[in-house]
Amino acid sequence: MKQTFLFFFLFIYFSGNAQSINLYGGLNSSSFNNSKKLPFLDKGLRTWSSGLEVDYLNKERWSISSKLGLMTFGGRDERDEFTVDEYKEATDSHSYLFLGSTIRYHFLKNDNTKVFVGVGPYISQSIEKDRTFSSSFYVDNYYYNSFFWGGLGELGILTSIGNFNFGMSGNILSSFSPVAYSLIDPSSEERGIELSNLSMSLPISLVVGYKLK
């Protein structure tokens, strides 16, 4: 709970200098990977993300953007060797509160439109009480971390009509700390395989908002 309050505090702090505020949302493709390169939920699962975005320190060629929202991370398996239907395809996902910031470079820009690339960090905090995997194949063996962090890259376009903003962006997120893990022995909580996550927008995230300054 304290981390959740910290997320809102940081976002409100960033918003104090906001020059525009936007709503964003879209579908993503999310999958897991691990250092042992084992095929655990490594196929893309359709997930979603939505929230608020504020832009500030907007210069001729540079700006900073921060997002606060909800995002689902997960993955999908396809196992044709199994004869039981519930094991042939396994999916699992978990919802997180998401806070990310990017430094954007406007490589194309005119009076009303800018095309940008951006890169920066993000942090995620679980909003679900039960952090065990729900899939029959992984239940009671795999668990989601309550908190993880990673890097965010984006390519997008934003145009202004009067004080209103409209745009779209393609995003890719890679976790730098484990999103989920297995337990070798639940009684000792000794960890086995740790899972990282890669998520990207399908194909774009839509943005609509209002210029404050």
C-alpha atoms as a PDB file:
ATOM      1  CA  MET A   1       0.000   0.000   0.000  1.00  0.00           C
ATOM      2  CA  LYS A   2       2.850   2.409   0.807  1.00  0.00           C
ATOM      3  CA  GLN A   3       4.342   1.826  -2.637  1.00  0.00           C
ATOM      4  CA  THR A   4       0.963   2.581  -4.239  1.00  0.00           C
ATOM      5  CA  PHE A   5       0.804   5.927  -2.425  1.00  0.00           C
ATOM      6  CA  LEU A   6       4.367   6.602  -3.579  1.00  0.00           C
ATOM      7  CA  PHE A   7       3.295   6.038  -7.196  1.00  0.00           C
ATOM      8  CA  PHE A   8       0.510   8.620  -6.889  1.00  0.00           C
ATOM      9  CA  PHE A   9       2.759  11.075  -5.040  1.00  0.00           C
ATOM     10  CA  LEU A  10       5.430  10.897  -7.753  1.00  0.00           C
ATOM     11  CA  PHE A  11       2.868  11.312 -10.525  1.00  0.00           C
ATOM     12  CA  ILE A  12       1.253  14.323  -8.808  1.00  0.00           C
ATOM     13  CA  TYR A  13       4.735  15.806  -8.336  1.00  0.00           C
ATOM     14  CA  PHE A  14       5.483  15.420 -12.048  1.00  0.00           C
ATOM     15  CA  SER A  15       2.047  16.820 -12.924  1.00  0.00           C
ATOM     16  CA  GLY A  16       2.815  20.093 -11.145  1.00  0.00           C
ATOM     17  CA  ASN A  17       4.756  21.259 -14.200  1.00  0.00           C
ATOM     18  CA  ALA A  18       2.455  19.637 -16.764  1.00  0.00           C
ATOM     19  CA  GLN A  19       1.989  21.441 -20.059  1.00  0.00           C
ATOM     20  CA  SER A  20      -0.556  18.912 -21.317  1.00  0.00           C
ATOM     21  CA  ILE A  21      -2.483  15.968 -19.898  1.00  0.00           C
ATOM     22  CA  ASN A  22      -3.600  13.004 -21.997  1.00  0.00           C
ATOM     23  CA  LEU A  23      -5.548   9.788 -21.750  1.00  0.00           C
ATOM     24  CA  TYR A  24      -3.906   6.762 -23.362  1.00  0.00           C
ATOM     25  CA  GLY A  25      -4.954   3.173 -23.936  1.00  0.00           C
ATOM     26  CA  GLY A  26      -4.417   0.169 -26.154  1.00  0.00           C
ATOM     27  CA  LEU A  27      -3.729  -3.533 -26.529  1.00  0.00           C
ATOM     28  CA  ASN A  28      -0.351  -5.179 -25.994  1.00  0.00           C
ATOM     29  CA  SER A  29       1.405  -8.437 -26.742  1.00  0.00           C
ATOM     30  CA  SER A  30       3.062  -9.746 -23.569  1.00  0.00           C
ATOM     31  CA  SER A  31       5.365 -12.749 -23.126  1.00  0.00           C
ATOM     32  CA  PHE A  32       7.815 -14.188 -20.595  1.00  0.00           C
ATOM     33  CA  ASN A  33      11.432 -15.244 -21.002  1.00  0.00           C
ATOM     34  CA  ASN A  34      14.067 -16.704 -18.683  1.00  0.00           C
ATOM     35  CA  SER A  35      17.832 -17.105 -18.515  1.00  0.00           C
ATOM     36  CA  LYS A  36      17.560 -20.887 -19.005  1.00  0.00           C
ATOM     37  CA  LYS A  37      15.668 -20.272 -22.280  1.00  0.00           C
ATOM     38  CA  LEU A  38      12.944 -22.735 -21.274  1.00  0.00           C
ATOM     39  CA  PRO A  39       9.607 -22.440 -23.131  1.00  0.00           C
ATOM     40  CA  PHE A  40       7.484 -21.117 -20.267  1.00  0.00           C
ATOM     41  CA  LEU A  41       4.676 -18.768 -21.391  1.00  0.00           C
ATOM     42  CA  ASP A  42       6.985 -17.411 -24.090  1.00  0.00           C
ATOM     43  CA  LYS A  43       4.245 -16.820 -26.688  1.00  0.00           C
ATOM     44  CA  GLY A  44       2.533 -13.447 -26.998  1.00  0.00           C
ATOM     45  CA  LEU A  45      -0.631 -12.967 -24.935  1.00  0.00           C
ATOM     46  CA  ARG A  46      -3.000 -10.110 -25.750  1.00  0.00           C
ATOM     47  CA  THR A  47      -3.140  -7.791 -22.753  1.00  0.00           C
ATOM     48  CA  TRP A  48      -4.118  -4.141 -22.226  1.00  0.00           C
ATOM     49  CA  SER A  49      -2.946  -0.873 -20.713  1.00  0.00           C
ATOM     50  CA  SER A  50      -4.601   2.491 -20.005  1.00  0.00           C
ATOM     51  CA  GLY A  51      -4.037   5.570 -17.891  1.00  0.00           C
ATOM     52  CA  LEU A  52      -3.004   9.221 -17.714  1.00  0.00           C
ATOM     53  CA  GLU A  53       0.000  10.843 -19.342  1.00  0.00           C
ATOM     54  CA  VAL A  54       1.473  14.285 -18.624  1.00  0.00           C
ATOM     55  CA  ASP A  55       4.010  16.154 -20.755  1.00  0.00           C
ATOM     56  CA  TYR A  56       6.318  18.785 -19.267  1.00  0.00           C
ATOM     57  CA  LEU A  57       9.623  20.597 -19.851  1.00  0.00           C
ATOM     58  CA  ASN A  58       8.545  20.844 -23.487  1.00  0.00           C
ATOM     59  CA  LYS A  59      11.326  22.377 -25.571  1.00  0.00           C
ATOM     60  CA  GLU A  60      11.847  22.773 -29.308  1.00  0.00           C
ATOM     61  CA  ARG A  61      13.337  19.300 -29.765  1.00  0.00           C
ATOM     62  CA  TRP A  62      12.962  17.665 -26.341  1.00  0.00           C
ATOM     63  CA  SER A  63      10.288  16.950 -23.752  1.00  0.00           C
ATOM     64  CA  ILE A  64       9.593  14.630 -20.815  1.00  0.00           C
ATOM     65  CA  SER A  65       6.473  12.503 -20.509  1.00  0.00           C
ATOM     66  CA  SER A  66       5.247  10.541 -17.460  1.00  0.00           C
ATOM     67  CA  LYS A  67       2.520   7.902 -17.390  1.00  0.00           C
ATOM     68  CA  LEU A  68       0.452   6.492 -14.537  1.00  0.00           C
ATOM     69  CA  GLY A  69      -1.938   3.692 -15.357  1.00  0.00           C
ATOM     70  CA  LEU A  70      -2.898   0.041 -15.190  1.00  0.00           C
ATOM     71  CA  MET A  71      -1.166  -2.615 -17.243  1.00  0.00           C
ATOM     72  CA  THR A  72      -1.468  -6.381 -17.515  1.00  0.00           C
ATOM     73  CA  PHE A  73       1.649  -8.531 -17.933  1.00  0.00           C
ATOM     74  CA  GLY A  74       1.527 -12.189 -18.900  1.00  0.00           C
ATOM     75  CA  GLY A  75       2.300 -14.893 -21.432  1.00  0.00           C
ATOM     76  CA  ARG A  76       0.933 -17.870 -23.340  1.00  0.00           C
ATOM     77  CA  ASP A  77       1.984 -21.486 -23.983  1.00  0.00           C
ATOM     78  CA  GLU A  78       1.090 -23.823 -26.851  1.00  0.00           C
ATOM     79  CA  ARG A  79       1.875 -27.479 -26.088  1.00  0.00           C
ATOM     80  CA  ASP A  80       0.664 -29.857 -28.781  1.00  0.00           C
ATOM     81  CA  GLU A  81       2.222 -32.859 -27.039  1.00  0.00           C
ATOM     82  CA  PHE A  82      -0.476 -32.811 -24.338  1.00  0.00           C
ATOM     83  CA  THR A  83      -3.798 -34.586 -24.901  1.00  0.00           C
ATOM     84  CA  VAL A  84      -5.679 -32.805 -22.098  1.00  0.00           C
ATOM     85  CA  ASP A  85      -7.249 -29.624 -23.488  1.00  0.00           C
ATOM     86  CA  GLU A  86      -6.532 -27.487 -20.423  1.00  0.00           C
ATOM     87  CA  TYR A  87      -2.791 -28.179 -20.870  1.00  0.00           C
ATOM     88  CA  LYS A  88      -2.635 -27.682 -24.662  1.00  0.00           C
ATOM     89  CA  GLU A  89      -2.797 -23.914 -24.278  1.00  0.00           C
ATOM     90  CA  ALA A  90      -1.904 -22.210 -21.035  1.00  0.00           C
ATOM     91  CA  THR A  91      -2.231 -18.476 -20.400  1.00  0.00           C
ATOM     92  CA  ASP A  92      -1.525 -16.403 -17.337  1.00  0.00           C
ATOM     93  CA  SER A  93      -1.506 -12.688 -16.570  1.00  0.00           C
ATOM     94  CA  HIS A  94      -1.409 -10.253 -13.671  1.00  0.00           C
ATOM     95  CA  SER A  95      -2.438  -6.597 -13.285  1.00  0.00           C
ATOM     96  CA  TYR A  96      -0.051  -3.902 -12.080  1.00  0.00           C
ATOM     97  CA  LEU A  97      -0.086  -0.207 -11.319  1.00  0.00           C
ATOM     98  CA  PHE A  98       2.374   1.297 -13.785  1.00  0.00           C
ATOM     99  CA  LEU A  99       4.499   4.459 -13.569  1.00  0.00           C
ATOM    100  CA  GLY A 100       6.932   5.342 -16.326  1.00  0.00           C
ATOM    101  CA  SER A 101       8.805   8.381 -17.641  1.00  0.00           C
ATOM    102  CA  THR A 102      10.515   8.945 -20.981  1.00  0.00           C
ATOM    103  CA  ILE A 103      12.750  11.596 -22.436  1.00  0.00           C
ATOM    104  CA  ARG A 104      11.408  12.327 -25.919  1.00  0.00           C
ATOM    105  CA  TYR A 105      13.320  13.631 -28.913  1.00  0.00           C
ATOM    106  CA  HIS A 106      11.153  15.343 -31.553  1.00  0.00           C
ATOM    107  CA  PHE A 107      12.939  14.422 -34.776  1.00  0.00           C
ATOM    108  CA  LEU A 108      10.129  15.865 -36.939  1.00  0.00           C
ATOM    109  CA  LYS A 109       8.215  18.927 -35.811  1.00  0.00           C
ATOM    110  CA  ASN A 110       6.051  21.752 -37.143  1.00  0.00           C
ATOM    111  CA  ASP A 111       3.639  24.182 -35.479  1.00  0.00           C
ATOM    112  CA  ASN A 112       0.988  21.565 -34.649  1.00  0.00           C
ATOM    113  CA  THR A 113       2.572  18.126 -35.031  1.00  0.00           C
ATOM    114  CA  LYS A 114       5.623  16.342 -33.657  1.00  0.00           C
ATOM    115  CA  VAL A 115       7.006  12.891 -34.332  1.00  0.00           C
ATOM    116  CA  PHE A 116       9.150  11.569 -31.491  1.00  0.00           C
ATOM    117  CA  VAL A 117      11.197   8.735 -30.074  1.00  0.00           C
ATOM    118  CA  GLY A 118      11.517   8.252 -26.339  1.00  0.00           C
ATOM    119  CA  VAL A 119      13.292   6.119 -23.782  1.00  0.00           C
ATOM    120  CA  GLY A 120      13.163   5.853 -19.998  1.00  0.00           C
ATOM    121  CA  PRO A 121      12.495   3.693 -16.930  1.00  0.00           C
ATOM    122  CA  TYR A 122       9.267   2.297 -15.489  1.00  0.00           C
ATOM    123  CA  ILE A 123       8.190   0.687 -12.204  1.00  0.00           C
ATOM    124  CA  SER A 124       5.214  -1.594 -11.565  1.00  0.00           C
ATOM    125  CA  GLN A 125       3.352  -2.513  -8.374  1.00  0.00           C
ATOM    126  CA  SER A 126       0.892  -5.437  -8.152  1.00  0.00           C
ATOM    127  CA  ILE A 127      -2.735  -4.492  -7.466  1.00  0.00           C
ATOM    128  CA  GLU A 128      -3.946  -8.070  -6.913  1.00  0.00           C
ATOM    129  CA  LYS A 129      -3.969  -9.832  -3.532  1.00  0.00           C
ATOM    130  CA  ASP A 130      -3.402 -13.310  -4.969  1.00  0.00           C
ATOM    131  CA  ARG A 131      -0.045 -13.423  -6.766  1.00  0.00           C
ATOM    132  CA  THR A 132      -0.046 -17.142  -7.616  1.00  0.00           C
ATOM    133  CA  PHE A 133      -0.390 -18.224 -11.243  1.00  0.00           C
ATOM    134  CA  SER A 134      -3.952 -19.280 -12.042  1.00  0.00           C
ATOM    135  CA  SER A 135      -3.168 -21.562 -15.006  1.00  0.00           C
ATOM    136  CA  SER A 136      -3.699 -25.256 -14.209  1.00  0.00           C
ATOM    137  CA  PHE A 137      -0.234 -26.083 -15.520  1.00  0.00           C
ATOM    138  CA  TYR A 138       1.563 -23.578 -13.269  1.00  0.00           C
ATOM    139  CA  VAL A 139      -0.715 -23.109 -10.248  1.00  0.00           C
ATOM    140  CA  ASP A 140       1.009 -23.417  -6.842  1.00  0.00           C
ATOM    141  CA  ASN A 141       4.426 -23.460  -8.546  1.00  0.00           C
ATOM    142  CA  TYR A 142       4.789 -19.965 -10.009  1.00  0.00           C
ATOM    143  CA  TYR A 143       4.202 -16.572  -8.397  1.00  0.00           C
ATOM    144  CA  TYR A 144       4.229 -12.924  -9.468  1.00  0.00           C
ATOM    145  CA  ASN A 145       6.510 -10.435  -7.748  1.00  0.00           C
ATOM    146  CA  SER A 146       4.735  -7.579  -6.005  1.00  0.00           C
ATOM    147  CA  PHE A 147       7.145  -5.072  -7.576  1.00  0.00           C
ATOM    148  CA  PHE A 148       9.488  -4.924 -10.557  1.00  0.00           C
ATOM    149  CA  TRP A 149      11.089  -2.356 -12.840  1.00  0.00           C
ATOM    150  CA  GLY A 150      12.318  -2.087 -16.408  1.00  0.00           C
ATOM    151  CA  GLY A 151      12.940   0.060 -19.458  1.00  0.00           C
ATOM    152  CA  LEU A 152      10.479   1.647 -21.888  1.00  0.00           C
ATOM    153  CA  GLY A 153      10.980   2.703 -25.506  1.00  0.00           C
ATOM    154  CA  GLU A 154       8.457   4.498 -27.701  1.00  0.00           C
ATOM    155  CA  LEU A 155       7.895   5.910 -31.197  1.00  0.00           C
ATOM    156  CA  GLY A 156       4.898   8.163 -31.730  1.00  0.00           C
ATOM    157  CA  ILE A 157       3.173  11.144 -33.240  1.00  0.00           C
ATOM    158  CA  LEU A 158       1.168  13.855 -31.479  1.00  0.00           C
ATOM    159  CA  THR A 159      -0.815  16.615 -33.168  1.00  0.00           C
ATOM    160  CA  SER A 160      -2.682  19.588 -31.676  1.00  0.00           C
ATOM    161  CA  ILE A 161      -5.976  21.035 -32.877  1.00  0.00           C
ATOM    162  CA  GLY A 162      -6.583  24.129 -30.794  1.00  0.00           C
ATOM    163  CA  ASN A 163      -5.979  23.051 -27.206  1.00  0.00           C
ATOM    164  CA  PHE A 164      -6.727  19.387 -27.885  1.00  0.00           C
ATOM    165  CA  ASN A 165      -4.107  16.691 -28.478  1.00  0.00           C
ATOM    166  CA  PHE A 166      -4.528  13.581 -30.610  1.00  0.00           C
ATOM    167  CA  GLY A 167      -1.914  10.967 -31.269  1.00  0.00           C
ATOM    168  CA  MET A 168      -0.647   7.423 -31.277  1.00  0.00           C
ATOM    169  CA  SER A 169       2.501   5.614 -30.231  1.00  0.00           C
ATOM    170  CA  GLY A 170       4.155   2.240 -30.445  1.00  0.00           C
ATOM    171  CA  ASN A 171       5.724   1.066 -27.189  1.00  0.00           C
ATOM    172  CA  ILE A 172       8.051  -1.704 -26.071  1.00  0.00           C
ATOM    173  CA  LEU A 173       8.716  -2.570 -22.428  1.00  0.00           C
ATOM    174  CA  SER A 174      11.410  -4.896 -21.133  1.00  0.00           C
ATOM    175  CA  SER A 175      11.634  -5.805 -17.439  1.00  0.00           C
ATOM    176  CA  PHE A 176      15.073  -5.521 -15.820  1.00  0.00           C
ATOM    177  CA  SER A 177      14.081  -7.326 -12.628  1.00  0.00           C
ATOM    178  CA  PRO A 178      12.065 -10.572 -12.414  1.00  0.00           C
ATOM    179  CA  VAL A 179       8.309 -10.291 -12.905  1.00  0.00           C
ATOM    180  CA  ALA A 180       7.598 -13.831 -11.711  1.00  0.00           C
ATOM    181  CA  TYR A 181       9.388 -16.851 -10.270  1.00  0.00           C
ATOM    182  CA  SER A 182       9.011 -20.525  -9.395  1.00  0.00           C
ATOM    183  CA  LEU A 183       9.641 -22.118  -6.008  1.00  0.00           C
ATOM    184  CA  ILE A 184      11.860 -25.180  -5.705  1.00  0.00           C
ATOM    185  CA  ASP A 185      10.403 -25.944  -2.293  1.00  0.00           C
ATOM    186  CA  PRO A 186       7.354 -23.898  -1.165  1.00  0.00           C
ATOM    187  CA  SER A 187       8.134 -24.638   2.487  1.00  0.00           C
ATOM    188  CA  SER A 188      11.539 -22.917   2.239  1.00  0.00           C
ATOM    189  CA  GLU A 189      10.577 -20.325  -0.403  1.00  0.00           C
ATOM    190  CA  GLU A 190      13.794 -21.117  -2.295  1.00  0.00           C
ATOM    191  CA  ARG A 191      13.447 -19.677  -5.776  1.00  0.00           C
ATOM    192  CA  GLY A 192      14.008 -21.645  -8.957  1.00  0.00           C
ATOM    193  CA  ILE A 193      13.378 -20.087 -12.375  1.00  0.00           C
ATOM    194  CA  GLU A 194      12.882 -16.318 -12.583  1.00  0.00           C
ATOM    195  CA  LEU A 195      10.798 -14.913 -15.423  1.00  0.00           C
ATOM    196  CA  SER A 196      11.308 -11.575 -17.163  1.00  0.00           C
ATOM    197  CA  ASN A 197       8.717  -9.952 -19.412  1.00  0.00           C
ATOM    198  CA  LEU A 198       8.645  -8.305 -22.824  1.00  0.00           C
ATOM    199  CA  SER A 199       5.547  -6.319 -23.822  1.00  0.00           C
ATOM    200  CA  MET A 200       4.820  -4.277 -26.937  1.00  0.00           C
ATOM    201  CA  SER A 201       1.784  -2.374 -28.155  1.00  0.00           C
ATOM    202  CA  LEU A 202      -0.571  -4.035 -30.671  1.00  0.00           C
ATOM    203  CA  PRO A 203       0.004  -2.176 -32.925  1.00  0.00           C
ATOM    204  CA  ILE A 204      -0.368   1.273 -31.352  1.00  0.00           C
ATOM    205  CA  SER A 205      -1.585   3.004 -28.213  1.00  0.00           C
ATOM    206  CA  LEU A 206      -4.052   5.836 -28.787  1.00  0.00           C
ATOM    207  CA  VAL A 207      -3.738   9.220 -27.069  1.00  0.00           C
ATOM    208  CA  VAL A 208      -6.236  12.053 -26.592  1.00  0.00           C
ATOM    209  CA  GLY A 209      -5.744  15.023 -24.289  1.00  0.00           C
ATOM    210  CA  TYR A 210      -5.703  18.747 -23.552  1.00  0.00           C
ATOM    211  CA  LYS A 211      -2.974  21.399 -23.566  1.00  0.00           C
ATOM    212  CA  LEU A 212      -2.736  23.200 -20.227  1.00  0.00           C
ATOM    213  CA  LYS A 213      -0.057  25.729 -21.198  1.00  0.00           C
END
